[in-house]
């Protein structure tokens, strides 16, 4: 059985002009506290989405454990549909949260399949630093629920899964964010 931790990135410096913002000062603090929490824990392989905010969230733990962070494209955040500009992405995401996964949408389906295939291929305990939508899509898959939003994972929350064969099992959801803001 393989243990998988899906860890949401720390607070990002959101901007309608920056497609890849890093962490805010608070986000960096959250990442350091997360590393301290796992300082004495059993070692996991560390994997991150290529986005700056996830890499920056993973780095304090990698520094503490003196191990690399593997960058994995399959853990990237959900892509915007064609025609949705960066300045409109937030509105699109908010509307998506109140909908169901559109299995007819090729781009969404391919993104979800790559995410799930990657996770189902893990052979050792792994902490995956990723995004709100990645976590929700995985939880929806495990629950066999078409609703996009399964819960609101807080920054640096840890959702624990087990992988047995090619079946993912939800052990615990991460801490839920109080705010209505992503």
Protein backbone atom coordinates (compact mmCIF):
# COMPACT_ATOMS: atom_id res chain seq x y z
CA UNK A 1 0.00 0.00 0.00
CA UNK A 2 1.33 3.43 -0.97
CA UNK A 3 0.59 6.52 1.10
CA UNK A 4 0.00 9.74 -0.84
CA UNK A 5 -0.28 13.20 0.69
CA UNK A 6 -1.86 15.88 -1.50
CA UNK A 7 -0.63 19.18 -0.09
CA UNK A 8 -2.14 22.43 -1.27
CA UNK A 9 0.35 25.23 -1.84
CA UNK A 10 0.70 28.17 0.54
CA UNK A 11 -1.00 31.52 -0.04
CA UNK A 12 -0.09 32.82 -3.49
CA UNK A 13 0.46 36.42 -4.54
CA UNK A 14 -2.51 36.40 -6.93
CA UNK A 15 -2.44 38.79 -9.82
CA UNK A 16 -4.57 39.15 -12.95
CA UNK A 17 -1.32 39.75 -14.85
CA UNK A 18 1.00 37.01 -13.51
CA UNK A 19 0.25 33.49 -14.75
CA UNK A 20 2.68 31.97 -12.23
CA UNK A 21 2.75 33.93 -8.97
CA UNK A 22 4.95 32.88 -6.10
CA UNK A 23 4.04 32.84 -2.45
CA UNK A 24 3.15 35.84 -0.33
CA UNK A 25 5.00 36.48 2.93
CA UNK A 26 2.22 34.55 4.69
CA UNK A 27 2.53 31.74 2.13
CA UNK A 28 6.25 31.43 2.86
CA UNK A 29 5.49 31.28 6.59
CA UNK A 30 2.89 28.57 5.94
CA UNK A 31 5.47 26.57 3.96
CA UNK A 32 8.05 26.83 6.77
CA UNK A 33 5.46 25.74 9.37
CA UNK A 34 4.49 22.79 7.19
CA UNK A 35 8.15 21.77 6.97
CA UNK A 36 8.49 22.02 10.76
CA UNK A 37 5.39 19.83 11.15
CA UNK A 38 6.97 17.10 8.99
CA UNK A 39 10.54 17.55 10.30
CA UNK A 40 10.59 14.28 12.25
CA UNK A 41 8.01 12.40 10.12
CA UNK A 42 8.93 9.38 8.01
CA UNK A 43 10.47 10.52 4.73
CA UNK A 44 8.38 10.69 1.59
CA UNK A 45 9.36 11.35 -1.97
CA UNK A 46 8.58 15.03 -2.66
CA UNK A 47 6.78 15.92 -5.88
CA UNK A 48 5.54 19.32 -7.01
CA UNK A 49 3.50 20.89 -9.74
CA UNK A 50 5.79 23.07 -11.87
CA UNK A 51 4.03 26.24 -10.66
CA UNK A 52 6.14 28.59 -8.52
CA UNK A 53 3.76 28.56 -5.55
CA UNK A 54 3.88 24.77 -5.23
CA UNK A 55 7.65 24.56 -5.69
CA UNK A 56 8.13 27.30 -3.08
CA UNK A 57 5.82 25.46 -0.67
CA UNK A 58 7.78 22.21 -1.08
CA UNK A 59 11.26 23.74 -0.82
CA UNK A 60 11.48 24.29 2.97
CA UNK A 61 10.72 20.61 3.57
CA UNK A 62 13.17 19.56 0.85
CA UNK A 63 15.83 21.75 2.47
CA UNK A 64 15.11 20.27 5.89
CA UNK A 65 15.20 16.69 4.62
CA UNK A 66 18.04 17.48 2.21
CA UNK A 67 16.28 15.82 -0.69
CA UNK A 68 15.15 16.89 -4.16
CA UNK A 69 11.69 17.98 -5.23
CA UNK A 70 10.60 16.18 -8.38
CA UNK A 71 8.71 18.51 -10.72
CA UNK A 72 5.72 16.75 -12.24
CA UNK A 73 3.65 18.28 -15.05
CA UNK A 74 0.73 15.91 -14.30
CA UNK A 75 0.15 17.80 -11.03
CA UNK A 76 -0.34 21.18 -12.73
CA UNK A 77 -3.43 23.25 -11.97
CA UNK A 78 -6.47 22.89 -14.21
CA UNK A 79 -5.98 24.69 -17.52
CA UNK A 80 -8.34 27.46 -18.53
CA UNK A 81 -10.54 26.80 -21.54
CA UNK A 82 -9.64 28.46 -24.83
CA UNK A 83 -10.71 32.08 -24.81
CA UNK A 84 -10.58 32.53 -21.02
CA UNK A 85 -8.01 35.23 -20.31
CA UNK A 86 -5.89 35.35 -17.19
CA UNK A 87 -7.94 38.30 -15.91
CA UNK A 88 -11.14 36.21 -16.33
CA UNK A 89 -9.72 32.98 -14.88
CA UNK A 90 -10.96 33.67 -11.34
CA UNK A 91 -14.53 34.15 -12.52
CA UNK A 92 -14.32 30.97 -14.61
CA UNK A 93 -12.97 29.00 -11.64
CA UNK A 94 -15.70 30.28 -9.31
CA UNK A 95 -18.38 29.23 -11.80
CA UNK A 96 -16.71 25.85 -12.29
CA UNK A 97 -16.79 25.16 -8.54
CA UNK A 98 -20.59 25.13 -8.55
CA UNK A 99 -20.85 22.77 -11.50
CA UNK A 100 -20.11 19.16 -12.34
CA UNK A 101 -17.15 17.69 -14.15
CA UNK A 102 -17.88 17.81 -17.86
CA UNK A 103 -16.66 14.43 -19.07
CA UNK A 104 -17.42 15.50 -22.64
CA UNK A 105 -14.91 18.36 -22.30
CA UNK A 106 -11.75 16.87 -23.81
CA UNK A 107 -9.34 19.28 -22.10
CA UNK A 108 -10.80 18.73 -18.61
CA UNK A 109 -10.97 14.97 -19.11
CA UNK A 110 -7.38 14.74 -20.33
CA UNK A 111 -6.15 16.89 -17.42
CA UNK A 112 -7.99 14.74 -14.87
CA UNK A 113 -6.82 11.50 -16.50
CA UNK A 114 -3.17 12.58 -16.44
CA UNK A 115 -3.47 13.56 -12.78
CA UNK A 116 -5.11 10.27 -11.78
CA UNK A 117 -2.81 8.12 -13.94
CA UNK A 118 0.23 9.71 -12.34
CA UNK A 119 -1.05 9.15 -8.81
CA UNK A 120 -2.06 5.55 -9.59
CA UNK A 121 1.46 4.90 -10.86
CA UNK A 122 3.22 5.89 -7.63
CA UNK A 123 5.16 3.07 -6.01
CA UNK A 124 6.49 4.75 -2.90
CA UNK A 125 5.05 7.05 -0.25
CA UNK A 126 4.86 10.51 -1.81
CA UNK A 127 3.96 14.04 -0.75
CA UNK A 128 2.54 15.90 -3.75
CA UNK A 129 2.49 19.71 -3.61
CA UNK A 130 -0.38 20.74 -5.83
CA UNK A 131 -3.50 22.86 -6.28
CA UNK A 132 -7.09 23.28 -5.04
CA UNK A 133 -8.59 21.86 -8.23
CA UNK A 134 -6.18 18.91 -8.37
CA UNK A 135 -7.20 17.89 -4.87
CA UNK A 136 -10.91 18.33 -5.59
CA UNK A 137 -10.73 16.37 -8.84
CA UNK A 138 -9.00 13.45 -7.10
CA UNK A 139 -11.47 13.44 -4.20
CA UNK A 140 -14.39 13.58 -6.68
CA UNK A 141 -12.93 10.58 -8.52
CA UNK A 142 -12.52 8.58 -5.31
CA UNK A 143 -16.06 9.41 -4.21
CA UNK A 144 -17.40 8.75 -7.73
CA UNK A 145 -19.06 12.16 -7.51
CA UNK A 146 -19.39 14.49 -10.51
CA UNK A 147 -19.51 17.65 -8.35
CA UNK A 148 -16.41 19.74 -8.98
CA UNK A 149 -16.10 21.15 -5.49
CA UNK A 150 -15.81 18.41 -2.91
CA UNK A 151 -14.41 20.65 -0.17
CA UNK A 152 -12.34 23.83 0.26
CA UNK A 153 -8.80 22.76 1.16
CA UNK A 154 -6.95 25.44 3.10
CA UNK A 155 -3.46 26.60 2.20
CA UNK A 156 -0.91 23.88 3.06
CA UNK A 157 -3.69 21.48 4.04
CA UNK A 158 -2.81 17.79 3.74
CA UNK A 159 -5.27 15.33 2.19
CA UNK A 160 -4.19 11.76 2.83
CA UNK A 161 -4.78 8.92 0.37
CA UNK A 162 -3.78 5.29 0.08
CA UNK A 163 -3.12 3.54 -3.20
CA UNK A 164 -3.81 -0.18 -3.28
CA UNK A 165 -3.18 -1.67 -6.72
CA UNK A 166 -4.71 0.97 -8.97
CA UNK A 167 -7.40 2.05 -6.50
CA UNK A 168 -7.11 5.32 -4.62
CA UNK A 169 -8.73 5.49 -1.19
CA UNK A 170 -9.44 8.66 0.75
CA UNK A 171 -8.11 8.46 4.32
CA UNK A 172 -8.60 12.04 5.51
CA UNK A 173 -9.46 15.37 3.94
CA UNK A 174 -7.13 18.25 4.60
CA UNK A 175 -8.03 21.22 6.74
CA UNK A 176 -10.99 23.13 5.33
CA UNK A 177 -10.59 26.80 4.48
CA UNK A 178 -13.00 29.09 6.34
CA UNK A 179 -13.02 31.88 3.75
CA UNK A 180 -15.16 31.87 0.62
CA UNK A 181 -12.14 33.05 -1.37
CA UNK A 182 -10.00 30.53 -3.25
